[in-house]
N, C-alpha and C. Protein backbone atom coordinates (compact mmCIF):
# COMPACT_ATOMS: atom_id res chain seq x y z
N MET A 1 -202.69 -190.41 132.35
CA MET A 1 -201.86 -189.91 131.33
C MET A 1 -200.84 -188.88 131.64
N LYS A 2 -201.34 -187.88 132.45
CA LYS A 2 -200.38 -186.76 132.74
C LYS A 2 -199.35 -187.22 133.68
N THR A 3 -199.54 -188.17 134.56
CA THR A 3 -198.51 -188.72 135.50
C THR A 3 -197.54 -189.59 134.71
N ASN A 4 -197.99 -190.31 133.66
CA ASN A 4 -197.04 -190.99 132.87
C ASN A 4 -196.29 -190.19 132.16
N THR A 5 -196.75 -189.00 131.53
CA THR A 5 -195.91 -188.17 130.63
C THR A 5 -194.97 -187.50 131.64
N ALA A 6 -195.37 -187.07 132.88
CA ALA A 6 -194.39 -186.31 133.71
C ALA A 6 -193.36 -187.25 134.11
N SER A 7 -193.76 -188.49 134.52
CA SER A 7 -192.70 -189.48 134.97
C SER A 7 -191.74 -189.74 133.84
N ARG A 8 -192.17 -189.84 132.54
CA ARG A 8 -191.25 -189.94 131.64
C ARG A 8 -190.30 -188.84 131.30
N LEU A 9 -190.88 -187.72 131.36
CA LEU A 9 -190.13 -186.47 131.38
C LEU A 9 -188.95 -186.33 132.29
N ALA A 10 -189.32 -186.75 133.72
CA ALA A 10 -188.44 -186.63 134.74
C ALA A 10 -187.40 -187.65 134.53
N LEU A 11 -187.82 -188.87 133.93
CA LEU A 11 -186.74 -189.90 133.71
C LEU A 11 -185.75 -189.44 132.68
N ALA A 12 -186.32 -188.87 131.68
CA ALA A 12 -185.43 -188.39 130.52
C ALA A 12 -184.46 -187.25 131.08
N PHE A 13 -184.89 -186.44 131.94
CA PHE A 13 -183.99 -185.40 132.50
C PHE A 13 -183.07 -185.95 133.41
N LEU A 14 -183.34 -186.98 134.22
CA LEU A 14 -182.35 -187.57 135.14
C LEU A 14 -181.22 -188.32 134.23
N THR A 15 -181.64 -188.91 133.17
CA THR A 15 -180.72 -189.64 132.34
C THR A 15 -179.76 -188.71 131.75
N VAL A 16 -180.22 -187.61 131.19
CA VAL A 16 -179.27 -186.62 130.65
C VAL A 16 -178.35 -186.01 131.76
N LEU A 17 -179.05 -185.67 132.76
CA LEU A 17 -178.05 -185.19 134.05
C LEU A 17 -176.89 -186.11 134.40
N LEU A 18 -177.35 -187.43 134.52
CA LEU A 18 -176.45 -188.38 134.94
C LEU A 18 -175.36 -188.72 133.81
N SER A 19 -175.60 -188.81 132.63
CA SER A 19 -174.63 -188.87 131.44
C SER A 19 -173.76 -187.71 131.51
N THR A 20 -174.20 -186.42 131.68
CA THR A 20 -173.31 -185.34 131.71
C THR A 20 -172.31 -185.33 132.82
N ALA A 21 -172.91 -185.70 134.11
CA ALA A 21 -172.05 -185.86 135.24
C ALA A 21 -170.88 -186.85 135.13
N THR A 22 -171.39 -188.00 134.38
CA THR A 22 -170.43 -189.09 134.20
C THR A 22 -169.28 -188.64 133.21
N ALA A 23 -169.74 -187.73 132.06
CA ALA A 23 -168.86 -187.32 131.24
C ALA A 23 -167.81 -186.32 131.95
N PHE A 24 -168.28 -185.52 132.78
CA PHE A 24 -167.39 -184.51 133.50
C PHE A 24 -166.47 -185.33 134.41
N ALA A 25 -167.12 -186.34 135.09
CA ALA A 25 -166.25 -187.17 136.09
C ALA A 25 -164.98 -187.91 135.26
N GLN A 26 -165.23 -188.21 133.93
CA GLN A 26 -164.11 -188.92 133.16
C GLN A 26 -162.96 -187.88 132.93
N GLU A 27 -163.27 -186.58 132.83
CA GLU A 27 -162.33 -185.55 132.57
C GLU A 27 -161.44 -185.30 133.97
N HIS A 28 -160.34 -185.74 133.95
CA HIS A 28 -159.49 -185.66 135.16
C HIS A 28 -158.79 -184.38 135.25
N VAL A 29 -159.12 -183.33 136.15
CA VAL A 29 -158.49 -182.11 136.25
C VAL A 29 -157.34 -182.27 137.16
N VAL A 30 -156.14 -181.73 136.57
CA VAL A 30 -154.87 -181.70 137.27
C VAL A 30 -154.28 -180.25 137.42
N GLN A 31 -153.72 -179.94 138.45
CA GLN A 31 -153.25 -178.63 138.71
C GLN A 31 -151.63 -178.79 138.28
N LEU A 32 -151.45 -178.03 137.08
CA LEU A 32 -150.18 -177.88 136.49
C LEU A 32 -149.25 -176.82 137.11
N SER A 33 -148.21 -176.92 137.57
CA SER A 33 -147.46 -175.91 138.04
C SER A 33 -146.00 -176.11 137.83
N GLY A 34 -145.15 -175.18 137.68
CA GLY A 34 -143.83 -175.12 137.45
C GLY A 34 -143.18 -173.92 137.30
N ILE A 35 -141.83 -173.97 136.72
CA ILE A 35 -141.03 -172.83 136.57
C ILE A 35 -140.55 -172.85 135.14
N VAL A 36 -140.54 -171.61 134.51
CA VAL A 36 -139.99 -171.46 133.19
C VAL A 36 -138.70 -170.66 133.28
N GLN A 37 -137.48 -171.21 132.78
CA GLN A 37 -136.37 -170.58 132.90
C GLN A 37 -135.65 -170.53 131.66
N THR A 38 -134.49 -169.65 131.60
CA THR A 38 -133.70 -169.45 130.50
C THR A 38 -132.72 -170.59 130.32
N GLY A 39 -132.35 -170.89 129.07
CA GLY A 39 -131.30 -171.88 128.85
C GLY A 39 -129.99 -171.33 128.95
N GLY A 40 -128.89 -172.10 128.77
CA GLY A 40 -127.54 -171.58 128.97
C GLY A 40 -127.05 -171.76 130.33
N ASP A 41 -125.88 -171.22 130.73
CA ASP A 41 -125.21 -171.39 131.98
C ASP A 41 -125.98 -170.71 133.12
N GLU A 42 -126.55 -169.54 133.12
CA GLU A 42 -127.31 -168.90 134.10
C GLU A 42 -128.82 -169.23 133.95
N LYS A 43 -129.30 -170.03 134.84
CA LYS A 43 -130.66 -170.41 134.80
C LYS A 43 -131.59 -169.47 135.60
N ALA A 44 -132.18 -168.41 134.97
CA ALA A 44 -132.96 -167.41 135.59
C ALA A 44 -134.42 -167.66 135.21
N GLY A 45 -135.37 -167.35 136.06
CA GLY A 45 -136.70 -167.50 135.86
C GLY A 45 -137.23 -166.42 134.84
N LEU A 46 -138.08 -166.79 133.88
CA LEU A 46 -138.55 -165.93 132.94
C LEU A 46 -139.91 -165.39 133.34
N ARG A 47 -139.96 -163.97 133.47
CA ARG A 47 -141.21 -163.39 133.76
C ARG A 47 -142.07 -163.00 132.53
N GLY A 48 -143.37 -163.32 132.58
CA GLY A 48 -144.14 -163.03 131.56
C GLY A 48 -144.34 -163.96 130.44
N ALA A 49 -143.84 -165.13 130.49
CA ALA A 49 -143.84 -166.15 129.57
C ALA A 49 -145.44 -166.63 129.55
N ALA A 50 -145.86 -166.91 128.37
CA ALA A 50 -147.31 -167.27 128.18
C ALA A 50 -147.31 -168.95 128.34
N VAL A 51 -148.32 -169.40 129.17
CA VAL A 51 -148.52 -170.85 129.46
C VAL A 51 -149.93 -170.97 129.09
N TYR A 52 -150.22 -171.84 128.16
CA TYR A 52 -151.77 -171.97 127.72
C TYR A 52 -151.91 -173.26 126.89
N VAL A 53 -153.27 -173.56 126.99
CA VAL A 53 -153.74 -174.84 126.36
C VAL A 53 -154.33 -174.26 124.94
N PRO A 54 -153.77 -174.73 123.91
CA PRO A 54 -154.27 -174.25 122.41
C PRO A 54 -155.77 -174.54 122.46
N HIS A 55 -156.53 -173.58 121.57
CA HIS A 55 -157.85 -173.67 121.28
C HIS A 55 -158.89 -173.80 122.47
N THR A 56 -158.32 -173.20 123.72
CA THR A 56 -159.20 -173.12 124.84
C THR A 56 -159.10 -171.79 125.45
N THR A 57 -159.78 -171.51 126.55
CA THR A 57 -159.55 -170.32 127.18
C THR A 57 -158.85 -170.45 128.47
N ARG A 58 -157.99 -171.53 128.66
CA ARG A 58 -157.25 -171.76 129.89
C ARG A 58 -155.85 -171.39 129.44
N GLY A 59 -155.34 -170.55 130.27
CA GLY A 59 -153.95 -169.91 130.22
C GLY A 59 -153.56 -169.01 131.24
N THR A 60 -152.28 -168.73 131.37
CA THR A 60 -151.79 -167.89 132.53
C THR A 60 -150.38 -167.33 132.00
N HIS A 61 -149.82 -166.43 132.81
CA HIS A 61 -148.35 -165.94 132.63
C HIS A 61 -147.56 -166.21 133.79
N THR A 62 -146.35 -166.42 133.51
CA THR A 62 -145.39 -166.73 134.58
C THR A 62 -145.12 -165.41 135.42
N SER A 63 -144.90 -165.77 136.61
CA SER A 63 -144.69 -164.61 137.69
C SER A 63 -143.15 -164.05 137.55
N GLU A 64 -142.80 -163.25 138.53
CA GLU A 64 -141.45 -162.61 138.48
C GLU A 64 -140.30 -163.56 138.46
N GLY A 65 -140.48 -164.70 139.17
CA GLY A 65 -139.56 -165.62 139.23
C GLY A 65 -139.53 -166.80 138.26
N GLY A 66 -140.59 -166.75 137.41
CA GLY A 66 -140.89 -167.62 136.31
C GLY A 66 -141.87 -168.77 136.73
N TYR A 67 -142.38 -168.52 137.86
CA TYR A 67 -143.50 -169.52 138.43
C TYR A 67 -144.87 -169.39 137.72
N PHE A 68 -145.45 -170.52 137.56
CA PHE A 68 -146.79 -170.67 137.05
C PHE A 68 -147.63 -171.74 137.68
N SER A 69 -148.85 -171.62 137.73
CA SER A 69 -149.76 -172.72 138.16
C SER A 69 -151.18 -172.58 137.40
N MET A 70 -151.77 -173.60 136.98
CA MET A 70 -153.11 -173.52 136.30
C MET A 70 -153.56 -174.87 136.21
N PRO A 71 -155.06 -174.99 136.02
CA PRO A 71 -155.62 -176.26 135.86
C PRO A 71 -155.70 -176.65 134.59
N VAL A 72 -155.30 -177.99 134.29
CA VAL A 72 -155.36 -178.53 132.95
C VAL A 72 -156.29 -179.88 133.12
N LEU A 73 -156.53 -180.48 131.99
CA LEU A 73 -157.21 -181.79 131.91
C LEU A 73 -156.17 -182.87 131.62
N ALA A 74 -156.38 -183.92 132.03
CA ALA A 74 -155.57 -185.21 131.63
C ALA A 74 -155.46 -185.18 130.11
N GLY A 75 -154.41 -185.36 129.62
CA GLY A 75 -154.34 -185.41 127.99
C GLY A 75 -154.01 -184.14 127.29
N ASP A 76 -154.05 -183.01 128.01
CA ASP A 76 -153.78 -181.72 127.48
C ASP A 76 -152.40 -181.58 127.06
N SER A 77 -152.12 -180.92 125.89
CA SER A 77 -150.80 -180.47 125.49
C SER A 77 -150.62 -178.95 125.79
N VAL A 78 -149.76 -178.39 126.59
CA VAL A 78 -149.68 -177.22 127.11
C VAL A 78 -148.49 -176.55 126.42
N VAL A 79 -148.68 -175.33 125.94
CA VAL A 79 -147.67 -174.58 125.11
C VAL A 79 -147.17 -173.44 126.11
N ILE A 80 -145.73 -173.43 126.15
CA ILE A 80 -145.00 -172.41 126.82
C ILE A 80 -144.26 -171.53 125.80
N SER A 81 -144.47 -170.07 125.87
CA SER A 81 -143.77 -169.45 124.75
C SER A 81 -143.55 -168.08 125.39
N MET A 82 -142.54 -167.50 124.86
CA MET A 82 -142.13 -166.10 125.05
C MET A 82 -141.54 -165.56 123.93
N LEU A 83 -141.68 -164.15 123.60
CA LEU A 83 -141.11 -163.48 122.62
C LEU A 83 -139.49 -163.50 122.61
N GLY A 84 -138.92 -163.92 121.70
CA GLY A 84 -137.44 -164.16 121.69
C GLY A 84 -136.79 -165.39 122.00
N TYR A 85 -137.88 -166.39 122.32
CA TYR A 85 -137.55 -167.81 122.82
C TYR A 85 -138.19 -168.71 121.91
N GLY A 86 -137.71 -169.93 121.88
CA GLY A 86 -138.55 -170.96 121.17
C GLY A 86 -139.60 -171.50 121.97
N LYS A 87 -140.70 -172.08 121.37
CA LYS A 87 -141.77 -172.56 122.16
C LYS A 87 -141.39 -174.07 122.69
N GLN A 88 -142.03 -174.35 123.84
CA GLN A 88 -141.88 -175.62 124.22
C GLN A 88 -143.25 -176.16 124.64
N TYR A 89 -143.39 -177.61 124.60
CA TYR A 89 -144.75 -178.28 124.82
C TYR A 89 -144.57 -179.16 126.04
N VAL A 90 -145.53 -179.21 126.88
CA VAL A 90 -145.64 -180.11 127.85
C VAL A 90 -146.96 -180.91 127.66
N LEU A 91 -146.87 -182.25 127.62
CA LEU A 91 -147.97 -183.22 127.45
C LEU A 91 -148.33 -183.71 128.93
N ILE A 92 -149.50 -183.53 129.37
CA ILE A 92 -149.98 -184.10 130.48
C ILE A 92 -150.55 -185.52 130.20
N PRO A 93 -149.98 -186.52 130.98
CA PRO A 93 -150.34 -187.82 130.61
C PRO A 93 -151.87 -188.05 130.89
N GLU A 94 -152.44 -188.96 130.03
CA GLU A 94 -153.95 -189.33 130.13
C GLU A 94 -154.05 -190.29 131.38
N ASP A 95 -153.23 -191.00 131.65
CA ASP A 95 -153.50 -192.07 132.66
C ASP A 95 -152.91 -191.41 134.04
N ILE A 96 -152.74 -190.17 134.29
CA ILE A 96 -152.18 -189.61 135.51
C ILE A 96 -153.12 -189.82 136.56
N SER A 97 -152.76 -190.18 137.69
CA SER A 97 -153.53 -190.62 138.89
C SER A 97 -153.68 -189.60 139.92
N THR A 98 -152.61 -188.69 139.92
CA THR A 98 -152.57 -187.69 140.89
C THR A 98 -153.40 -186.30 140.48
N HIS A 99 -153.53 -185.37 141.28
CA HIS A 99 -154.34 -184.19 141.01
C HIS A 99 -153.40 -183.01 140.81
N SER A 100 -152.00 -183.23 140.73
CA SER A 100 -151.08 -182.16 140.52
C SER A 100 -150.08 -182.86 139.76
N TYR A 101 -149.33 -181.87 138.89
CA TYR A 101 -148.23 -182.24 137.88
C TYR A 101 -147.35 -181.00 137.98
N ALA A 102 -145.93 -181.32 138.36
CA ALA A 102 -145.07 -180.22 138.41
C ALA A 102 -143.72 -180.49 137.29
N THR A 103 -143.29 -179.29 136.72
CA THR A 103 -142.44 -179.48 135.68
C THR A 103 -141.54 -178.22 135.60
N THR A 104 -140.26 -178.42 135.08
CA THR A 104 -139.51 -177.31 134.91
C THR A 104 -139.09 -177.20 133.43
N VAL A 105 -139.46 -176.10 132.75
CA VAL A 105 -139.40 -175.90 131.45
C VAL A 105 -138.30 -174.79 131.18
N THR A 106 -137.26 -175.14 130.25
CA THR A 106 -136.15 -174.37 129.82
C THR A 106 -136.45 -173.83 128.38
N LEU A 107 -136.43 -172.58 128.29
CA LEU A 107 -136.68 -171.94 126.91
C LEU A 107 -135.35 -171.54 126.41
N GLN A 108 -135.10 -171.82 125.17
CA GLN A 108 -133.88 -171.54 124.49
C GLN A 108 -134.10 -170.23 123.74
N GLU A 109 -133.00 -169.32 123.80
CA GLU A 109 -133.11 -168.12 123.07
C GLU A 109 -133.14 -168.39 121.50
N GLN A 110 -134.11 -167.66 120.81
CA GLN A 110 -134.26 -167.82 119.33
C GLN A 110 -134.56 -166.46 118.76
N ALA A 111 -133.46 -166.09 118.11
CA ALA A 111 -133.47 -164.63 117.34
C ALA A 111 -134.61 -164.73 116.34
N THR A 112 -135.46 -163.83 116.45
CA THR A 112 -136.44 -163.52 115.36
C THR A 112 -135.93 -162.49 114.32
N GLU A 113 -135.83 -162.80 113.04
CA GLU A 113 -135.50 -161.80 112.08
C GLU A 113 -136.77 -161.34 111.29
N LEU A 114 -136.85 -159.90 111.54
CA LEU A 114 -138.06 -159.40 110.67
C LEU A 114 -137.68 -158.93 109.51
N PRO A 115 -138.55 -158.87 108.58
CA PRO A 115 -138.32 -158.58 107.19
C PRO A 115 -138.00 -156.98 107.23
N THR A 116 -137.16 -156.58 106.19
CA THR A 116 -136.88 -155.13 106.12
C THR A 116 -138.02 -154.25 105.57
N VAL A 117 -138.26 -153.17 105.77
CA VAL A 117 -139.31 -152.40 105.34
C VAL A 117 -138.60 -151.07 104.77
N ASP A 118 -138.94 -150.64 103.64
CA ASP A 118 -138.46 -149.48 102.90
C ASP A 118 -139.59 -148.51 103.07
N VAL A 119 -139.24 -147.26 103.86
CA VAL A 119 -140.23 -146.25 103.96
C VAL A 119 -139.76 -145.18 103.01
N MET A 120 -140.66 -144.82 102.07
CA MET A 120 -140.45 -143.62 101.16
C MET A 120 -141.53 -142.53 101.21
N PRO A 121 -141.24 -141.36 100.96
CA PRO A 121 -142.23 -140.22 100.89
C PRO A 121 -143.16 -140.35 99.77
N TRP A 122 -142.72 -141.14 98.77
CA TRP A 122 -143.72 -141.31 97.57
C TRP A 122 -144.02 -142.64 97.37
N ALA A 123 -144.99 -142.96 96.59
CA ALA A 123 -145.53 -144.44 96.51
C ALA A 123 -144.58 -145.37 96.06
N THR A 124 -143.82 -145.11 95.11
CA THR A 124 -142.81 -145.89 94.46
C THR A 124 -141.40 -145.23 94.30
N GLU A 125 -140.31 -145.97 94.17
CA GLU A 125 -139.06 -145.35 93.93
C GLU A 125 -139.06 -144.59 92.78
N ARG A 126 -139.71 -144.87 91.65
CA ARG A 126 -139.72 -144.07 90.55
C ARG A 126 -140.25 -142.79 90.71
N ASP A 127 -141.42 -142.62 91.33
CA ASP A 127 -141.97 -141.20 91.76
C ASP A 127 -140.98 -140.42 92.52
N LEU A 128 -140.20 -141.04 93.40
CA LEU A 128 -139.20 -140.35 94.32
C LEU A 128 -138.05 -139.94 93.27
N ARG A 129 -137.72 -140.64 92.54
CA ARG A 129 -136.55 -140.20 91.60
C ARG A 129 -136.94 -139.00 90.77
N ALA A 130 -138.30 -139.17 90.24
CA ALA A 130 -138.76 -137.99 89.44
C ALA A 130 -138.85 -136.73 90.29
N ALA A 131 -139.29 -136.77 91.50
CA ALA A 131 -139.40 -135.63 92.31
C ALA A 131 -138.11 -135.02 92.67
N ILE A 132 -136.98 -135.84 92.88
CA ILE A 132 -135.81 -135.33 93.16
C ILE A 132 -135.11 -134.67 91.82
N ALA A 133 -135.47 -135.12 90.79
CA ALA A 133 -134.95 -134.67 89.49
C ALA A 133 -135.56 -133.28 89.18
N LYS A 134 -136.84 -132.94 89.48
CA LYS A 134 -137.62 -131.76 89.43
C LYS A 134 -137.19 -130.71 90.20
N VAL A 135 -136.36 -131.02 91.38
CA VAL A 135 -136.00 -129.95 92.43
C VAL A 135 -134.98 -128.97 91.74
N LYS A 136 -135.19 -127.67 91.73
CA LYS A 136 -134.25 -126.74 91.32
C LYS A 136 -133.51 -126.14 92.44
N LEU A 137 -132.21 -126.38 92.60
CA LEU A 137 -131.43 -125.86 93.67
C LEU A 137 -130.93 -124.39 93.17
N PRO A 138 -130.83 -123.54 94.14
CA PRO A 138 -130.21 -122.12 93.85
C PRO A 138 -128.77 -122.33 93.42
N ALA A 139 -128.33 -121.41 92.76
CA ALA A 139 -126.90 -121.38 92.39
C ALA A 139 -126.09 -121.22 93.66
N THR A 140 -124.86 -121.66 93.61
CA THR A 140 -124.18 -121.60 94.85
C THR A 140 -123.79 -120.07 95.21
N HIS A 141 -123.96 -119.92 96.50
CA HIS A 141 -123.96 -118.50 97.08
C HIS A 141 -123.05 -118.49 98.27
N THR A 142 -122.08 -117.63 98.19
CA THR A 142 -121.16 -117.40 99.29
C THR A 142 -121.77 -116.30 100.18
N PRO A 143 -121.97 -116.55 101.24
CA PRO A 143 -122.48 -115.51 102.16
C PRO A 143 -121.56 -114.39 102.53
N LYS A 144 -122.02 -113.17 102.61
CA LYS A 144 -121.23 -112.11 102.90
C LYS A 144 -121.35 -111.65 104.38
N VAL A 145 -120.19 -111.66 105.05
CA VAL A 145 -120.34 -111.27 106.46
C VAL A 145 -119.72 -109.86 106.75
N ASN A 146 -120.42 -109.08 107.22
CA ASN A 146 -120.05 -107.69 107.55
C ASN A 146 -119.32 -107.64 108.86
N VAL A 147 -118.06 -107.57 108.92
CA VAL A 147 -117.15 -107.44 110.17
C VAL A 147 -116.85 -106.09 110.51
N GLY A 148 -117.34 -105.09 109.72
CA GLY A 148 -117.05 -103.64 110.02
C GLY A 148 -115.66 -103.35 109.53
N GLU A 149 -115.52 -102.07 109.89
CA GLU A 149 -114.09 -101.56 109.35
C GLU A 149 -113.00 -102.12 110.28
N VAL A 150 -112.00 -102.47 109.63
CA VAL A 150 -110.73 -102.89 110.29
C VAL A 150 -109.74 -101.79 110.09
N PRO A 151 -109.31 -101.19 111.19
CA PRO A 151 -108.21 -100.37 111.03
C PRO A 151 -106.97 -100.81 110.43
N GLY A 152 -106.49 -99.89 109.68
CA GLY A 152 -105.19 -100.26 108.85
C GLY A 152 -104.10 -100.60 109.82
N GLU A 153 -103.95 -100.06 111.04
CA GLU A 153 -102.74 -100.19 111.66
C GLU A 153 -102.96 -101.61 112.47
N TYR A 154 -104.08 -102.23 112.52
CA TYR A 154 -104.29 -103.63 113.03
C TYR A 154 -103.79 -104.69 112.01
N ALA A 155 -104.04 -104.20 110.74
CA ALA A 155 -103.98 -105.24 109.76
C ALA A 155 -102.49 -105.31 109.11
N THR A 156 -102.11 -104.21 108.48
CA THR A 156 -100.81 -104.15 107.67
C THR A 156 -99.83 -103.13 108.19
N ASP A 157 -100.38 -102.00 108.76
CA ASP A 157 -99.62 -100.79 109.10
C ASP A 157 -98.59 -100.85 110.15
N GLY A 158 -98.82 -101.83 110.92
CA GLY A 158 -97.87 -101.98 112.19
C GLY A 158 -96.67 -102.52 111.95
N PRO A 159 -95.67 -102.31 112.81
CA PRO A 159 -94.23 -102.65 112.62
C PRO A 159 -94.13 -104.32 112.73
N ALA A 160 -93.10 -104.80 112.15
CA ALA A 160 -92.99 -106.26 112.29
C ALA A 160 -92.56 -106.49 113.85
N MET A 161 -93.01 -107.50 114.36
CA MET A 161 -92.77 -107.89 115.67
C MET A 161 -92.34 -109.42 115.98
N ASP A 162 -91.46 -109.48 116.88
CA ASP A 162 -91.14 -110.78 117.19
C ASP A 162 -92.11 -111.35 118.25
N SER A 163 -91.80 -112.55 118.90
CA SER A 163 -92.96 -113.17 119.74
C SER A 163 -93.10 -112.25 121.00
N GLU A 164 -92.07 -111.77 121.48
CA GLU A 164 -92.21 -110.86 122.78
C GLU A 164 -93.05 -109.47 122.60
N ALA A 165 -92.75 -109.04 121.38
CA ALA A 165 -93.35 -107.70 121.09
C ALA A 165 -94.86 -107.98 120.82
N SER A 166 -95.08 -109.14 120.08
CA SER A 166 -96.43 -109.63 119.83
C SER A 166 -97.36 -109.82 121.03
N ALA A 167 -96.65 -110.49 121.93
CA ALA A 167 -97.31 -110.75 123.23
C ALA A 167 -97.64 -109.56 124.09
N ALA A 168 -96.67 -108.51 124.03
CA ALA A 168 -96.96 -107.21 124.64
C ALA A 168 -97.90 -106.40 123.93
N HIS A 169 -98.03 -106.43 122.66
CA HIS A 169 -99.08 -105.76 121.84
C HIS A 169 -100.36 -106.36 122.30
N GLY A 170 -100.40 -107.57 122.20
CA GLY A 170 -101.72 -108.34 122.62
C GLY A 170 -102.26 -107.93 123.92
N LEU A 171 -101.37 -107.94 124.99
CA LEU A 171 -101.78 -107.42 126.39
C LEU A 171 -102.26 -106.03 126.41
N GLN A 172 -101.44 -105.26 125.57
CA GLN A 172 -101.90 -103.72 125.52
C GLN A 172 -103.28 -103.57 124.98
N GLN A 173 -103.50 -104.34 123.99
CA GLN A 173 -104.93 -104.31 123.26
C GLN A 173 -105.93 -104.75 124.22
N GLN A 174 -105.79 -105.80 124.97
CA GLN A 174 -106.75 -106.36 125.94
C GLN A 174 -106.92 -105.41 127.02
N GLN A 175 -105.88 -104.67 127.61
CA GLN A 175 -106.01 -103.78 128.72
C GLN A 175 -106.91 -102.43 128.03
N MET A 176 -106.70 -102.14 126.82
CA MET A 176 -107.45 -100.92 126.31
C MET A 176 -108.91 -101.40 126.21
N GLN A 177 -109.16 -102.72 125.77
CA GLN A 177 -110.72 -103.16 125.68
C GLN A 177 -111.41 -102.93 127.07
N GLN A 178 -110.59 -103.61 128.20
CA GLN A 178 -111.13 -103.54 129.45
C GLN A 178 -111.47 -102.10 129.99
N GLN A 179 -110.42 -101.11 129.74
CA GLN A 179 -110.75 -99.92 130.02
C GLN A 179 -111.98 -99.21 129.41
N LYS A 180 -112.24 -99.60 128.16
CA LYS A 180 -113.28 -99.03 127.45
C LYS A 180 -114.55 -99.54 128.13
N ARG A 181 -114.53 -100.68 128.58
CA ARG A 181 -115.78 -101.29 129.28
C ARG A 181 -116.06 -100.54 130.46
N ILE A 182 -115.00 -100.31 131.21
CA ILE A 182 -115.25 -99.54 132.57
C ILE A 182 -115.67 -98.19 132.41
N LEU A 183 -115.17 -97.28 131.45
CA LEU A 183 -115.45 -95.99 131.39
C LEU A 183 -116.96 -95.75 131.18
N VAL A 184 -117.43 -94.81 131.94
CA VAL A 184 -118.93 -94.38 131.93
C VAL A 184 -118.96 -93.11 131.34
N PRO A 185 -119.58 -92.89 130.16
CA PRO A 185 -119.80 -91.56 129.52
C PRO A 185 -120.32 -90.54 130.49
N SER A 186 -119.94 -89.35 130.19
CA SER A 186 -120.29 -88.35 131.18
C SER A 186 -121.74 -87.94 131.13
N ASP A 187 -122.31 -88.07 130.10
CA ASP A 187 -123.85 -87.70 129.87
C ASP A 187 -124.72 -88.69 130.47
N VAL A 188 -124.23 -89.84 130.94
CA VAL A 188 -125.24 -90.91 131.50
C VAL A 188 -125.29 -90.70 133.07
N LYS A 189 -126.43 -90.59 133.53
CA LYS A 189 -126.64 -90.41 134.95
C LYS A 189 -126.60 -91.81 135.59
N LEU A 190 -125.62 -91.87 136.72
CA LEU A 190 -125.68 -93.25 137.41
C LEU A 190 -126.96 -93.39 138.41
N PHE A 191 -127.35 -92.39 139.16
CA PHE A 191 -128.66 -92.59 139.80
C PHE A 191 -129.62 -91.57 139.39
N SER A 192 -130.68 -92.05 139.03
CA SER A 192 -131.83 -91.20 138.63
C SER A 192 -132.72 -90.77 139.77
N ILE A 193 -132.63 -91.33 140.97
CA ILE A 193 -133.36 -90.85 142.15
C ILE A 193 -132.39 -90.10 143.04
N PRO A 194 -132.82 -88.93 143.53
CA PRO A 194 -131.91 -88.12 144.36
C PRO A 194 -131.93 -88.70 145.70
N ILE A 195 -131.01 -88.74 146.46
CA ILE A 195 -130.92 -89.16 147.83
C ILE A 195 -130.81 -88.02 148.76
N ARG A 196 -131.53 -87.82 149.66
CA ARG A 196 -131.42 -86.64 150.52
C ARG A 196 -131.16 -87.20 151.93
N TYR A 197 -130.33 -86.72 152.60
CA TYR A 197 -129.99 -86.89 154.02
C TYR A 197 -130.71 -85.75 154.91
N LYS A 198 -131.14 -86.16 156.05
CA LYS A 198 -131.75 -85.22 156.92
C LYS A 198 -130.81 -84.93 158.03
């Protein structure tokens, strides 16, 4: 009895194993490779484009020159997409007899328009308007600048001058200001450390 049950169990196990192996043998694995490029006059490889089979864990990204390679099954529909470009689909034929399939995919630029978002410091525009209406602004205020005393001779007491006299007067004032900067008051010591010679 025990040998009969063991043999039946072994036979059932072999049947399940062979049917699983047959199912896997029916799925034909194909190495899909190709280049993803931009449309238009300049055909340049797109780096970072997503290449994947939807609803599976199979996928990859294109390399620097737009090259990709990944295993797929016969009959798979492969999606190639990238931000700023339209999607493209590649259908692997179900009756493919080779173990490799090569393709070149051209993605066309597609502008994606995002909806506008209004960001306000208050929850609603009505709250914002109410807050602005409550703001009390100070009365207009003209700042007073203290420029010091202006000697009368510079402002109105001087003689009327033509352009040459005005230029000469300006140079004279400039020289006086430079001399004031150079003069050292007599009560300031230039050197506080005495120097002794031996």
